[in-house]
């Protein structure tokens, strides 16, 4: 009976993590909490720590960074008492991510330095154990922590020549970690982690104003990431064949076989392309740049919706960033935004996309937009 309970707990914990990965945090929490309670009745062993660590990851995906940190620290303490090095490494990675996301929220360099140290410790454990998949996770977390610390130390500057030497040095360390993650991920047959590392590396280049490299260099991490994702995951323009058959639009994926993290990474890649295009629009004030930015923004949210229909953390972050950019526009230009998005929807067969809903929720209907009289 105990063996059966152990197997049930293992299955439920794995399922909880999988549900968290696709944004279903309510289901994930329910499963993980019940698993924790069951494991606690069986004794304070390593599985209790694994449940706590899963709950930490769920809290991270819910953006509950303080809760996540507390859970990861509890898991870490338990694993250390049990001298479970694998569990300790897993908890260190979760703790690093919770510290990093909290540090980014609060713009706190000290929390980000702690995140770097925890990620380093986790990497050391898994490098010693030869676990490639976990090394990749630790390297991605280490690279992101360096990136976010560089961004905080960089401050709100507008020109690449103004990036201070400390931020540049941290960015270089972040690049090294993320490049290493992308390099070794194929050994662990985890292509989605390779894409994850490359997309994060592309965002690092963006934060230190290397926009042209991202878009124009064939070896840029963004180009590499997009080339790894199978074409069957792409949202493509709708076309009609000579036989009158409709092709393109959103991909038809088998939920049981699809690697859904690819969709989330494509969403982040499109968001980055949108940010770069909007930067050009702000500099040059050309409508073609606004068109390009909005096409990428619309596709970003469309990929996120394919990943999970409800709003989840990364989609919320994307919408926050898009709102920051569009909120700088006057009502007349915002009206044009609605028209552009409608054209993009038609081009890709998106019907009413998440972008249109976002515009309506953020700025009201198109008809409500009237010039402000001073």
Protein backbone atom coordinates (compact mmCIF):
# COMPACT_ATOMS: atom_id res chain seq x y z
CA UNK A 1 0.00 0.00 0.00
CA UNK A 2 2.82 2.38 0.87
CA UNK A 3 4.57 1.61 -2.43
CA UNK A 4 1.38 2.46 -4.31
CA UNK A 5 1.02 5.74 -2.40
CA UNK A 6 4.64 6.62 -3.23
CA UNK A 7 4.04 5.97 -6.94
CA UNK A 8 0.82 8.01 -6.88
CA UNK A 9 2.65 10.89 -5.18
CA UNK A 10 5.46 10.79 -7.75
CA UNK A 11 2.97 10.84 -10.63
CA UNK A 12 0.95 13.68 -9.09
CA UNK A 13 4.07 15.77 -8.44
CA UNK A 14 5.28 15.34 -12.03
CA UNK A 15 1.82 16.22 -13.31
CA UNK A 16 1.73 19.32 -11.08
CA UNK A 17 5.00 20.56 -12.58
CA UNK A 18 3.74 19.87 -16.10
CA UNK A 19 0.51 21.79 -15.40
CA UNK A 20 2.54 24.74 -14.06
CA UNK A 21 4.67 24.72 -17.23
CA UNK A 22 1.58 25.33 -19.39
CA UNK A 23 0.14 28.03 -17.13
CA UNK A 24 -2.48 26.00 -15.24
CA UNK A 25 -1.31 27.15 -11.82
CA UNK A 26 -4.60 26.46 -10.02
CA UNK A 27 -4.54 22.78 -11.05
CA UNK A 28 -0.79 22.60 -10.39
CA UNK A 29 -1.15 24.04 -6.88
CA UNK A 30 -3.93 21.64 -5.99
CA UNK A 31 -1.95 18.62 -7.15
CA UNK A 32 1.31 19.72 -5.54
CA UNK A 33 -0.28 20.58 -2.18
CA UNK A 34 -2.07 17.24 -1.95
CA UNK A 35 1.16 15.47 -2.94
CA UNK A 36 3.08 17.34 -0.25
CA UNK A 37 0.55 16.32 2.40
CA UNK A 38 0.73 12.68 1.32
CA UNK A 39 4.52 12.67 1.31
CA UNK A 40 4.67 14.30 4.74
CA UNK A 41 2.63 11.41 6.19
CA UNK A 42 5.21 9.01 4.77
CA UNK A 43 8.07 10.81 6.53
CA UNK A 44 10.36 13.85 6.03
CA UNK A 45 12.40 12.37 3.19
CA UNK A 46 13.67 13.76 -0.09
CA UNK A 47 10.25 13.51 -1.80
CA UNK A 48 8.93 16.15 0.64
CA UNK A 49 11.69 18.45 -0.59
CA UNK A 50 10.77 17.71 -4.20
CA UNK A 51 7.15 18.69 -3.50
CA UNK A 52 8.30 21.93 -1.85
CA UNK A 53 10.50 22.62 -4.86
CA UNK A 54 7.61 22.01 -7.25
CA UNK A 55 5.48 24.41 -5.21
CA UNK A 56 8.31 26.97 -5.46
CA UNK A 57 8.27 26.67 -9.28
CA UNK A 58 4.48 27.07 -9.33
CA UNK A 59 4.77 30.24 -7.23
CA UNK A 60 7.47 31.55 -9.60
CA UNK A 61 5.12 31.07 -12.55
CA UNK A 62 2.42 32.92 -10.59
CA UNK A 63 4.92 35.75 -9.96
CA UNK A 64 4.70 35.11 -6.19
CA UNK A 65 8.42 35.57 -5.72
CA UNK A 66 8.46 35.83 -1.91
CA UNK A 67 6.40 32.64 -1.53
CA UNK A 68 8.63 30.94 -4.09
CA UNK A 69 11.77 31.94 -2.20
CA UNK A 70 10.39 30.63 1.10
CA UNK A 71 9.43 27.29 -0.44
CA UNK A 72 12.77 26.89 -2.22
CA UNK A 73 14.68 27.70 0.98
CA UNK A 74 12.64 25.09 2.91
CA UNK A 75 13.39 22.52 0.21
CA UNK A 76 17.09 23.43 0.21
CA UNK A 77 17.36 23.08 4.00
CA UNK A 78 15.70 19.67 3.92
CA UNK A 79 17.91 18.39 1.11
CA UNK A 80 21.03 19.60 2.93
CA UNK A 81 20.00 17.78 6.13
CA UNK A 82 19.39 14.62 4.08
CA UNK A 83 22.69 15.13 2.18
CA UNK A 84 20.75 14.81 -1.08
CA UNK A 85 22.99 16.63 -3.58
CA UNK A 86 20.63 16.26 -6.54
CA UNK A 87 17.76 17.73 -4.53
CA UNK A 88 20.05 20.47 -3.25
CA UNK A 89 20.96 21.40 -6.83
CA UNK A 90 17.31 21.51 -7.89
CA UNK A 91 16.40 23.72 -4.92
CA UNK A 92 19.33 26.05 -5.64
CA UNK A 93 18.11 26.61 -9.21
CA UNK A 94 14.56 27.35 -8.00
CA UNK A 95 15.92 29.65 -5.29
CA UNK A 96 18.10 31.45 -7.84
CA UNK A 97 15.10 32.10 -10.09
CA UNK A 98 12.93 33.35 -7.22
CA UNK A 99 15.71 35.72 -6.09
CA UNK A 100 16.30 36.91 -9.66
CA UNK A 101 12.68 37.66 -10.38
CA UNK A 102 12.28 39.43 -7.03
CA UNK A 103 15.47 41.38 -7.69
CA UNK A 104 14.24 42.42 -11.11
CA UNK A 105 10.87 43.53 -9.68
CA UNK A 106 12.54 45.59 -6.95
CA UNK A 107 15.54 46.67 -9.07
CA UNK A 108 17.66 45.31 -6.21
CA UNK A 109 21.28 44.49 -7.19
CA UNK A 110 21.92 42.56 -3.96
CA UNK A 111 19.11 40.07 -4.61
CA UNK A 112 20.43 39.60 -8.14
CA UNK A 113 23.94 38.94 -6.82
CA UNK A 114 22.46 36.32 -4.48
CA UNK A 115 20.68 34.77 -7.47
CA UNK A 116 24.00 34.55 -9.33
CA UNK A 117 25.65 32.80 -6.38
CA UNK A 118 22.81 30.29 -5.96
CA UNK A 119 22.78 29.50 -9.69
CA UNK A 120 26.56 29.00 -9.60
CA UNK A 121 26.21 26.57 -6.69
CA UNK A 122 23.51 24.62 -8.50
CA UNK A 123 25.62 24.49 -11.66
CA UNK A 124 28.61 23.16 -9.71
CA UNK A 125 26.54 20.31 -8.27
CA UNK A 126 25.15 19.20 -11.63
CA UNK A 127 28.46 19.63 -13.47
CA UNK A 128 30.00 17.27 -10.91
CA UNK A 129 27.15 14.79 -11.42
CA UNK A 130 27.31 15.05 -15.22
CA UNK A 131 23.59 15.85 -15.53
CA UNK A 132 23.44 17.79 -18.82
CA UNK A 133 19.77 18.77 -18.60
CA UNK A 134 20.18 20.27 -15.14
CA UNK A 135 23.44 21.99 -16.13
CA UNK A 136 21.53 23.68 -18.94
CA UNK A 137 18.84 24.87 -16.50
CA UNK A 138 21.47 26.23 -14.11
CA UNK A 139 23.40 27.95 -16.92
CA UNK A 140 20.24 29.60 -18.24
CA UNK A 141 19.40 30.84 -14.75
CA UNK A 142 22.97 32.07 -14.24
CA UNK A 143 22.96 33.87 -17.59
CA UNK A 144 19.60 35.50 -16.88
CA UNK A 145 20.76 36.64 -13.44
CA UNK A 146 23.86 38.28 -14.95
CA UNK A 147 21.66 39.83 -17.65
CA UNK A 148 19.15 41.27 -15.19
CA UNK A 149 21.89 42.63 -12.92
CA UNK A 150 23.52 44.28 -15.96
CA UNK A 151 20.16 45.82 -16.85
CA UNK A 152 19.66 47.20 -13.32
CA UNK A 153 23.19 48.65 -13.17
CA UNK A 154 22.82 50.04 -16.70
CA UNK A 155 19.90 52.20 -15.60
CA UNK A 156 17.49 54.13 -17.86
CA UNK A 157 19.95 55.19 -20.56
CA UNK A 158 19.23 55.57 -24.27
CA UNK A 159 22.59 55.15 -26.04
CA UNK A 160 24.94 52.15 -26.19
CA UNK A 161 27.98 54.32 -25.50
CA UNK A 162 26.48 55.22 -22.11
CA UNK A 163 26.45 51.61 -20.82
CA UNK A 164 28.84 51.56 -17.87
CA UNK A 165 31.80 49.11 -17.79
CA UNK A 166 30.37 47.11 -14.87
CA UNK A 167 27.14 46.45 -16.77
CA UNK A 168 29.11 45.45 -19.88
CA UNK A 169 31.26 43.02 -17.88
CA UNK A 170 28.18 41.40 -16.34
CA UNK A 171 26.52 41.19 -19.75
CA UNK A 172 29.60 39.39 -21.11
CA UNK A 173 29.40 36.83 -18.29
CA UNK A 174 25.71 36.38 -19.03
CA UNK A 175 26.50 35.80 -22.71
CA UNK A 176 29.07 33.14 -21.80
CA UNK A 177 26.61 31.24 -19.59
CA UNK A 178 23.75 31.36 -22.10
CA UNK A 179 26.00 30.40 -25.03
CA UNK A 180 27.27 27.44 -23.01
CA UNK A 181 23.69 26.39 -22.23
CA UNK A 182 22.75 26.54 -25.93
CA UNK A 183 25.92 24.65 -26.86
CA UNK A 184 25.40 21.67 -24.53
CA UNK A 185 21.58 21.42 -24.65
CA UNK A 186 21.58 19.18 -27.78
CA UNK A 187 23.59 16.58 -25.84
CA UNK A 188 20.67 16.24 -23.46
CA UNK A 189 18.22 16.15 -26.39
CA UNK A 190 16.37 19.15 -24.97
CA UNK A 191 15.92 21.37 -28.02
CA UNK A 192 13.38 23.59 -26.28
CA UNK A 193 16.00 24.46 -23.64
CA UNK A 194 18.43 25.35 -26.41
CA UNK A 195 15.81 27.72 -27.83
CA UNK A 196 15.16 29.06 -24.31
CA UNK A 197 18.87 29.87 -23.87
CA UNK A 198 19.15 31.52 -27.29
CA UNK A 199 16.04 33.69 -26.85
CA UNK A 200 17.28 34.84 -23.44
CA UNK A 201 20.66 35.59 -25.04
CA UNK A 202 18.93 37.67 -27.72
CA UNK A 203 17.15 39.70 -25.04
CA UNK A 204 20.52 40.26 -23.33
CA UNK A 205 21.90 41.73 -26.58
CA UNK A 206 18.82 43.96 -26.76
CA UNK A 207 19.34 45.30 -23.23
CA UNK A 208 22.83 46.49 -24.15
CA UNK A 209 21.61 48.08 -27.40
CA UNK A 210 22.89 45.50 -29.88
CA UNK A 211 19.69 45.62 -31.97
CA UNK A 212 21.35 45.45 -35.38
CA UNK A 213 23.34 42.35 -34.42
CA UNK A 214 20.13 40.60 -33.30
CA UNK A 215 18.36 41.18 -36.62
CA UNK A 216 21.11 41.24 -39.25
CA UNK A 217 23.78 38.74 -38.19
CA UNK A 218 22.96 35.22 -39.47
CA UNK A 219 24.64 33.84 -36.34
CA UNK A 220 22.55 35.96 -33.98
CA UNK A 221 20.86 33.98 -31.19
CA UNK A 222 17.40 35.09 -32.30
CA UNK A 223 17.93 33.78 -35.84
CA UNK A 224 19.38 30.54 -34.46
CA UNK A 225 16.49 30.06 -32.03
CA UNK A 226 13.87 30.55 -34.72
CA UNK A 227 15.69 28.12 -37.03
CA UNK A 228 15.58 25.36 -34.39
CA UNK A 229 11.81 25.59 -33.85
CA UNK A 230 10.12 23.27 -36.38
CA UNK A 231 8.13 25.06 -39.08
CA UNK A 232 5.04 23.13 -37.97
CA UNK A 233 4.91 25.48 -34.93
CA UNK A 234 4.89 28.68 -37.01
CA UNK A 235 1.94 31.00 -37.52
CA UNK A 236 2.10 31.79 -41.24
CA UNK A 237 0.21 34.06 -43.67
CA UNK A 238 -2.97 32.55 -45.05
CA UNK A 239 -2.87 31.63 -48.73
CA UNK A 240 -5.16 29.79 -51.13
CA UNK A 241 -3.66 27.11 -53.37
CA UNK A 242 -4.42 26.69 -57.07
CA UNK A 243 -6.92 24.03 -55.99
CA UNK A 244 -8.70 26.53 -53.80
CA UNK A 245 -7.41 24.98 -50.56
CA UNK A 246 -6.67 27.26 -47.63
CA UNK A 247 -3.15 27.01 -46.19
CA UNK A 248 -1.30 28.75 -43.39
CA UNK A 249 -2.71 30.50 -40.36
CA UNK A 250 -2.24 29.01 -36.90
CA UNK A 251 -0.55 25.60 -36.59
CA UNK A 252 -2.68 22.53 -35.91
CA UNK A 253 -0.73 20.78 -33.15
CA UNK A 254 -1.47 17.48 -31.45
CA UNK A 255 -1.56 18.42 -27.76
CA UNK A 256 -0.16 15.06 -26.67
CA UNK A 257 2.88 15.30 -28.95
CA UNK A 258 3.59 19.03 -29.21
CA UNK A 259 6.49 20.64 -27.34
CA UNK A 260 4.54 23.60 -26.02
CA UNK A 261 7.54 25.54 -24.63
CA UNK A 262 8.46 26.17 -28.29
CA UNK A 263 5.31 28.31 -28.57
CA UNK A 264 6.17 30.34 -25.46
CA UNK A 265 9.68 30.99 -26.81
CA UNK A 266 8.28 32.03 -30.20
CA UNK A 267 6.08 34.49 -28.30
CA UNK A 268 9.15 35.98 -26.60
CA UNK A 269 11.04 36.12 -29.90
CA UNK A 270 8.20 37.98 -31.62
CA UNK A 271 7.93 40.38 -28.68
CA UNK A 272 11.64 41.18 -29.02
CA UNK A 273 11.27 41.82 -32.75
CA UNK A 274 8.34 44.10 -31.93
CA UNK A 275 10.36 46.07 -29.39
CA UNK A 276 13.18 46.62 -31.87
CA UNK A 277 10.75 47.75 -34.59
CA UNK A 278 8.99 50.12 -32.16
CA UNK A 279 12.38 51.63 -31.24
CA UNK A 280 12.89 52.39 -34.94
CA UNK A 281 9.40 53.90 -35.13
CA UNK A 282 10.22 56.21 -32.19
CA UNK A 283 13.45 57.31 -33.88
CA UNK A 284 12.21 57.67 -37.45
CA UNK A 285 8.42 58.09 -37.06
CA UNK A 286 7.78 55.95 -40.15
CA UNK A 287 4.45 54.13 -40.37
CA UNK A 288 6.16 51.06 -41.86
CA UNK A 289 8.06 50.61 -38.58
CA UNK A 290 4.83 50.90 -36.59
CA UNK A 291 3.25 48.32 -38.94
CA UNK A 292 6.16 45.95 -38.34
CA UNK A 293 6.09 46.41 -34.55
CA UNK A 294 2.37 45.71 -34.36
CA UNK A 295 2.63 42.63 -36.57
CA UNK A 296 5.23 41.20 -34.19
CA UNK A 297 3.25 42.20 -31.08
CA UNK A 298 0.11 40.56 -32.48
CA UNK A 299 2.01 37.38 -33.32
CA UNK A 300 3.65 37.37 -29.88
CA UNK A 301 0.30 37.27 -28.10
CA UNK A 302 -1.03 34.77 -30.66
CA UNK A 303 1.82 32.36 -29.87
CA UNK A 304 1.21 32.86 -26.15
CA UNK A 305 -2.47 32.03 -26.67
CA UNK A 306 -1.52 28.83 -28.50
CA UNK A 307 0.70 27.94 -25.53
CA UNK A 308 -2.15 28.52 -23.06
CA UNK A 309 -5.52 30.16 -23.72
CA UNK A 310 -5.73 31.91 -20.35
CA UNK A 311 -3.44 34.75 -19.29
CA UNK A 312 -0.20 33.52 -17.69
CA UNK A 313 2.94 35.21 -16.35
CA UNK A 314 4.91 35.62 -19.58
CA UNK A 315 1.82 36.79 -21.46
CA UNK A 316 1.15 39.37 -18.73
CA UNK A 317 4.74 40.57 -18.98
CA UNK A 318 4.42 40.84 -22.76
CA UNK A 319 1.20 42.84 -22.48
CA UNK A 320 2.80 45.15 -19.90
CA UNK A 321 5.67 45.87 -22.28
CA UNK A 322 3.36 46.42 -25.25
CA UNK A 323 1.18 48.73 -23.15
CA UNK A 324 4.23 50.81 -22.14
CA UNK A 325 4.97 51.43 -25.82
CA UNK A 326 1.43 52.03 -27.09
CA UNK A 327 0.54 54.27 -24.15
CA UNK A 328 3.00 56.85 -25.52
CA UNK A 329 0.90 57.28 -28.69
CA UNK A 330 -1.69 60.00 -29.26
CA UNK A 331 -5.36 59.00 -29.88
CA UNK A 332 -5.10 59.53 -33.64
CA UNK A 333 -2.13 57.15 -33.90
CA UNK A 334 -3.83 54.67 -31.59
CA UNK A 335 -6.75 54.53 -34.03
CA UNK A 336 -4.25 53.57 -36.71
CA UNK A 337 -2.95 50.85 -34.37
CA UNK A 338 -6.40 49.22 -34.29
CA UNK A 339 -6.52 49.25 -38.11
CA UNK A 340 -3.05 47.75 -38.44
CA UNK A 341 -3.85 44.94 -36.00
CA UNK A 342 -7.03 44.17 -37.94
CA UNK A 343 -4.96 43.84 -41.11
CA UNK A 344 -2.49 41.53 -39.36
CA UNK A 345 -5.36 39.34 -38.13
CA UNK A 346 -6.64 39.04 -41.70
CA UNK A 347 -3.16 38.27 -43.04
CA UNK A 348 -2.65 35.39 -40.59
CA UNK A 349 -6.27 34.23 -40.26
CA UNK A 350 -6.41 35.08 -36.55
CA UNK A 351 -10.05 36.27 -36.47
CA UNK A 352 -10.28 38.38 -33.27
CA UNK A 353 -6.81 37.94 -31.80
CA UNK A 354 -5.62 38.34 -28.22
CA UNK A 355 -4.05 41.61 -29.38
CA UNK A 356 -7.46 43.06 -30.27
CA UNK A 357 -8.83 42.03 -26.87
CA UNK A 358 -5.78 43.60 -25.23
CA UNK A 359 -6.33 46.89 -27.09
CA UNK A 360 -10.00 46.97 -26.12
CA UNK A 361 -9.21 46.16 -22.46
CA UNK A 362 -6.38 48.73 -22.31
CA UNK A 363 -7.67 51.63 -24.42
CA UNK A 364 -11.37 50.97 -25.02
CA UNK A 365 -13.03 50.49 -28.39
CA UNK A 366 -11.61 52.18 -31.48
CA UNK A 367 -14.64 54.49 -31.64
CA UNK A 368 -13.90 55.78 -28.12
CA UNK A 369 -10.54 57.20 -29.18
CA UNK A 370 -10.94 60.91 -29.74
CA UNK A 371 -8.24 63.58 -29.85
CA UNK A 372 -7.76 65.39 -26.55
CA UNK A 373 -8.51 69.10 -26.82
CA UNK A 374 -6.21 71.31 -24.78
